[in-house]
N, C-alpha and C. Protein backbone atom coordinates (compact mmCIF):
# COMPACT_ATOMS: atom_id res chain seq x y z
N MET A 1 192.17 232.89 -74.66
CA MET A 1 192.06 231.82 -75.63
C MET A 1 193.37 231.74 -76.42
N THR A 2 193.88 230.54 -76.64
CA THR A 2 195.14 230.37 -77.36
C THR A 2 194.91 230.49 -78.87
N SER A 3 195.99 230.69 -79.61
CA SER A 3 195.86 230.78 -81.07
C SER A 3 195.37 229.45 -81.64
N TYR A 4 195.74 228.33 -81.03
CA TYR A 4 195.23 227.02 -81.48
C TYR A 4 193.71 226.98 -81.34
N GLU A 5 193.19 227.43 -80.19
CA GLU A 5 191.74 227.43 -79.95
C GLU A 5 191.02 228.36 -80.92
N ILE A 6 191.61 229.50 -81.20
CA ILE A 6 191.02 230.45 -82.15
C ILE A 6 190.96 229.82 -83.54
N GLY A 7 192.06 229.18 -83.95
CA GLY A 7 192.10 228.51 -85.25
C GLY A 7 191.10 227.37 -85.34
N ARG A 8 191.01 226.59 -84.27
CA ARG A 8 190.05 225.47 -84.24
C ARG A 8 188.63 225.99 -84.37
N ARG A 9 188.34 227.07 -83.68
CA ARG A 9 186.99 227.66 -83.75
C ARG A 9 186.69 228.15 -85.17
N ALA A 10 187.67 228.77 -85.83
CA ALA A 10 187.48 229.25 -87.20
C ALA A 10 187.27 228.07 -88.15
N GLU A 11 188.05 227.00 -87.98
CA GLU A 11 187.90 225.81 -88.83
C GLU A 11 186.51 225.20 -88.65
N ARG A 12 186.04 225.13 -87.43
CA ARG A 12 184.69 224.59 -87.18
C ARG A 12 183.61 225.47 -87.80
N ALA A 13 183.80 226.78 -87.75
CA ALA A 13 182.83 227.69 -88.36
C ALA A 13 182.82 227.50 -89.88
N ALA A 14 183.99 227.34 -90.48
CA ALA A 14 184.06 227.10 -91.93
C ALA A 14 183.39 225.78 -92.28
N ALA A 15 183.66 224.75 -91.49
CA ALA A 15 183.05 223.44 -91.74
C ALA A 15 181.53 223.52 -91.64
N ALA A 16 181.02 224.24 -90.65
CA ALA A 16 179.58 224.39 -90.48
C ALA A 16 178.96 225.11 -91.68
N GLN A 17 179.63 226.14 -92.17
CA GLN A 17 179.14 226.87 -93.35
C GLN A 17 179.04 225.92 -94.55
N LEU A 18 180.07 225.14 -94.77
CA LEU A 18 180.08 224.20 -95.90
C LEU A 18 179.01 223.12 -95.75
N GLU A 19 178.79 222.64 -94.54
CA GLU A 19 177.73 221.66 -94.31
C GLU A 19 176.37 222.25 -94.63
N ARG A 20 176.15 223.52 -94.27
CA ARG A 20 174.88 224.18 -94.60
C ARG A 20 174.70 224.29 -96.11
N GLU A 21 175.81 224.34 -96.85
CA GLU A 21 175.77 224.42 -98.31
C GLU A 21 175.64 223.03 -98.96
N GLY A 22 175.56 221.98 -98.14
CA GLY A 22 175.34 220.64 -98.67
C GLY A 22 176.58 219.79 -98.87
N TYR A 23 177.71 220.22 -98.38
CA TYR A 23 178.94 219.45 -98.52
C TYR A 23 179.10 218.48 -97.35
N ASP A 24 179.75 217.35 -97.62
CA ASP A 24 180.27 216.49 -96.57
C ASP A 24 181.63 217.07 -96.22
N VAL A 25 181.93 217.18 -94.92
CA VAL A 25 183.11 217.92 -94.50
C VAL A 25 183.95 217.10 -93.52
N VAL A 26 185.26 217.17 -93.71
CA VAL A 26 186.22 216.60 -92.76
C VAL A 26 187.18 217.71 -92.38
N ARG A 27 187.39 217.86 -91.08
CA ARG A 27 188.34 218.84 -90.57
C ARG A 27 189.59 218.11 -90.15
N SER A 28 190.73 218.60 -90.58
CA SER A 28 192.01 218.00 -90.24
C SER A 28 192.48 218.58 -88.91
N ALA A 29 191.94 218.03 -87.83
CA ALA A 29 192.18 218.58 -86.49
C ALA A 29 193.66 218.56 -86.12
N GLY A 30 194.15 219.68 -85.62
CA GLY A 30 195.53 219.79 -85.16
C GLY A 30 196.55 219.77 -86.28
N SER A 31 196.09 219.92 -87.49
CA SER A 31 196.97 219.80 -88.65
C SER A 31 197.92 220.98 -88.77
N LYS A 32 199.14 220.68 -89.12
CA LYS A 32 200.11 221.71 -89.48
C LYS A 32 200.34 221.67 -90.99
N GLY A 33 199.51 220.89 -91.68
CA GLY A 33 199.64 220.73 -93.13
C GLY A 33 198.91 221.80 -93.90
N PRO A 34 198.88 221.66 -95.23
CA PRO A 34 198.31 222.70 -96.08
C PRO A 34 196.79 222.73 -96.11
N VAL A 35 196.13 221.68 -95.64
CA VAL A 35 194.66 221.60 -95.74
C VAL A 35 194.07 221.50 -94.34
N ASP A 36 193.19 222.45 -93.99
CA ASP A 36 192.50 222.42 -92.70
C ASP A 36 191.14 221.74 -92.81
N VAL A 37 190.46 221.95 -93.95
CA VAL A 37 189.11 221.44 -94.15
C VAL A 37 189.02 220.85 -95.56
N ILE A 38 188.42 219.67 -95.66
CA ILE A 38 188.13 219.05 -96.95
C ILE A 38 186.61 218.95 -97.06
N ALA A 39 186.06 219.50 -98.13
CA ALA A 39 184.62 219.47 -98.35
C ALA A 39 184.34 218.80 -99.69
N CYS A 40 183.39 217.87 -99.70
CA CYS A 40 183.07 217.12 -100.92
C CYS A 40 181.56 217.13 -101.17
N ASN A 41 181.21 217.20 -102.44
CA ASN A 41 179.85 216.91 -102.85
C ASN A 41 179.95 215.94 -104.02
N LYS A 42 178.89 215.75 -104.78
CA LYS A 42 178.90 214.75 -105.85
C LYS A 42 179.84 215.09 -107.00
N THR A 43 180.20 216.36 -107.13
CA THR A 43 181.00 216.76 -108.29
C THR A 43 182.33 217.44 -107.97
N HIS A 44 182.52 217.89 -106.73
CA HIS A 44 183.72 218.67 -106.41
C HIS A 44 184.34 218.28 -105.07
N ILE A 45 185.63 218.51 -104.99
CA ILE A 45 186.37 218.43 -103.73
C ILE A 45 186.98 219.81 -103.51
N ARG A 46 186.78 220.34 -102.31
CA ARG A 46 187.34 221.65 -101.96
C ARG A 46 188.37 221.45 -100.86
N LEU A 47 189.61 221.84 -101.13
CA LEU A 47 190.70 221.76 -100.16
C LEU A 47 190.92 223.17 -99.63
N ILE A 48 190.73 223.36 -98.33
CA ILE A 48 190.65 224.71 -97.78
C ILE A 48 191.65 224.91 -96.64
N GLN A 49 192.37 226.01 -96.72
CA GLN A 49 193.22 226.50 -95.63
C GLN A 49 192.43 227.63 -94.97
N VAL A 50 192.21 227.54 -93.67
CA VAL A 50 191.42 228.52 -92.93
C VAL A 50 192.36 229.43 -92.14
N LYS A 51 192.16 230.73 -92.26
CA LYS A 51 192.96 231.72 -91.52
C LYS A 51 192.02 232.65 -90.77
N TYR A 52 192.39 232.99 -89.54
CA TYR A 52 191.62 233.94 -88.77
C TYR A 52 192.49 235.13 -88.43
N ASN A 53 192.08 236.27 -88.91
CA ASN A 53 192.74 237.54 -88.61
C ASN A 53 194.19 237.60 -89.09
N CYS A 54 194.49 236.86 -90.15
CA CYS A 54 195.81 236.93 -90.77
C CYS A 54 195.71 236.38 -92.19
N GLU A 55 196.74 236.59 -92.95
CA GLU A 55 196.78 236.11 -94.33
C GLU A 55 197.61 234.83 -94.40
N ALA A 56 197.35 234.03 -95.41
CA ALA A 56 198.17 232.84 -95.65
C ALA A 56 199.54 233.28 -96.14
N SER A 57 200.55 232.59 -95.69
CA SER A 57 201.92 232.90 -96.11
C SER A 57 202.15 232.36 -97.52
N PRO A 58 203.14 232.87 -98.23
CA PRO A 58 203.48 232.31 -99.54
C PRO A 58 203.76 230.81 -99.49
N ALA A 59 204.41 230.35 -98.43
CA ALA A 59 204.71 228.91 -98.29
C ALA A 59 203.42 228.10 -98.12
N GLU A 60 202.45 228.63 -97.36
CA GLU A 60 201.16 227.94 -97.20
C GLU A 60 200.41 227.86 -98.52
N ILE A 61 200.42 228.94 -99.27
CA ILE A 61 199.75 228.97 -100.56
C ILE A 61 200.40 227.97 -101.52
N GLU A 62 201.73 227.96 -101.55
CA GLU A 62 202.44 227.03 -102.43
C GLU A 62 202.13 225.57 -102.06
N ALA A 63 202.14 225.26 -100.77
CA ALA A 63 201.85 223.89 -100.33
C ALA A 63 200.44 223.47 -100.71
N LEU A 64 199.48 224.38 -100.56
CA LEU A 64 198.10 224.07 -100.92
C LEU A 64 197.96 223.86 -102.42
N CYS A 65 198.67 224.64 -103.21
CA CYS A 65 198.60 224.51 -104.67
C CYS A 65 199.12 223.16 -105.15
N TYR A 66 200.09 222.59 -104.45
CA TYR A 66 200.67 221.32 -104.87
C TYR A 66 200.00 220.10 -104.25
N PHE A 67 199.01 220.32 -103.36
CA PHE A 67 198.30 219.21 -102.75
C PHE A 67 197.47 218.51 -103.82
N LYS A 68 197.58 217.20 -103.93
CA LYS A 68 196.95 216.44 -105.01
C LYS A 68 195.44 216.32 -104.81
N GLY A 69 194.74 216.21 -105.93
CA GLY A 69 193.30 215.96 -105.98
C GLY A 69 192.92 215.63 -107.40
N PRO A 70 191.74 215.07 -107.62
CA PRO A 70 191.33 214.71 -108.98
C PRO A 70 191.32 215.94 -109.91
N ALA A 71 192.00 215.83 -111.03
CA ALA A 71 192.09 216.93 -112.00
C ALA A 71 190.69 217.33 -112.48
N GLY A 72 190.45 218.64 -112.49
CA GLY A 72 189.18 219.16 -112.97
C GLY A 72 188.05 219.13 -111.95
N HIS A 73 188.30 218.50 -110.80
CA HIS A 73 187.24 218.39 -109.79
C HIS A 73 187.68 218.89 -108.42
N THR A 74 188.90 219.39 -108.33
CA THR A 74 189.44 219.81 -107.04
C THR A 74 189.68 221.32 -107.04
N GLU A 75 189.13 221.98 -106.04
CA GLU A 75 189.35 223.41 -105.86
C GLU A 75 190.20 223.62 -104.62
N ARG A 76 191.13 224.54 -104.70
CA ARG A 76 191.98 224.90 -103.58
C ARG A 76 191.65 226.33 -103.19
N GLU A 77 191.37 226.55 -101.89
CA GLU A 77 190.88 227.85 -101.45
C GLU A 77 191.52 228.26 -100.12
N ILE A 78 191.65 229.56 -99.96
CA ILE A 78 192.03 230.15 -98.66
C ILE A 78 190.79 230.87 -98.14
N TRP A 79 190.33 230.48 -96.98
CA TRP A 79 189.20 231.15 -96.33
C TRP A 79 189.75 232.00 -95.20
N THR A 80 189.45 233.30 -95.23
CA THR A 80 189.94 234.22 -94.22
C THR A 80 188.77 234.93 -93.56
N ARG A 81 188.86 235.04 -92.25
CA ARG A 81 187.86 235.80 -91.49
C ARG A 81 188.61 236.77 -90.59
N ALA A 82 188.21 238.02 -90.63
CA ALA A 82 188.84 239.04 -89.79
C ALA A 82 188.05 239.21 -88.50
N ARG A 83 188.74 239.51 -87.45
CA ARG A 83 188.11 239.74 -86.15
C ARG A 83 187.05 240.83 -86.28
N GLY A 84 185.88 240.55 -85.76
CA GLY A 84 184.80 241.53 -85.76
C GLY A 84 184.04 241.63 -87.07
N VAL A 85 184.38 240.80 -88.05
CA VAL A 85 183.71 240.84 -89.35
C VAL A 85 182.95 239.55 -89.55
N ARG A 86 181.72 239.65 -90.00
CA ARG A 86 180.92 238.46 -90.27
C ARG A 86 181.23 237.94 -91.66
N GLY A 87 181.19 236.66 -91.83
CA GLY A 87 181.38 236.05 -93.13
C GLY A 87 182.85 235.81 -93.46
N TRP A 88 183.06 235.18 -94.57
CA TRP A 88 184.38 234.76 -95.02
C TRP A 88 184.80 235.48 -96.29
N THR A 89 186.08 235.71 -96.42
CA THR A 89 186.66 236.10 -97.69
C THR A 89 187.28 234.83 -98.25
N VAL A 90 186.84 234.44 -99.45
CA VAL A 90 187.30 233.20 -100.05
C VAL A 90 188.15 233.53 -101.28
N LYS A 91 189.37 233.01 -101.28
CA LYS A 91 190.28 233.20 -102.40
C LYS A 91 190.55 231.85 -103.04
N SER A 92 190.17 231.70 -104.30
CA SER A 92 190.46 230.47 -105.04
C SER A 92 191.85 230.55 -105.62
N LEU A 93 192.56 229.43 -105.59
CA LEU A 93 193.92 229.38 -106.11
C LEU A 93 193.94 228.64 -107.44
C-alpha cells in the first residue's frame, strides 16, 4: 500500500468518526494543503490535519494555524493515529 493510500484511509477513518459524532464532513481528497478534513455542526467548524504514524511538521502546524475560519467558531486540530493503536490522539492548536 502506498503512503497516499495509507493517508487516504486515515482521512476516511477520521471523517467517519466525526460523522458518528454528528458532524457534516468534507474530506479534501488528494490535498497537499493544511486541511485534510473539514467538519461542521451548528456551532463549530473543525479544520483537521490527519497524520498516520508520524507527527505534523512545524510548517504544517503553522499553515493550519493561519488557515482562515470564523473567529470564535473555528477549531484547528492535528489528528494522529499510530500503527497498531486504536483511536486518535487529537491536538488542538
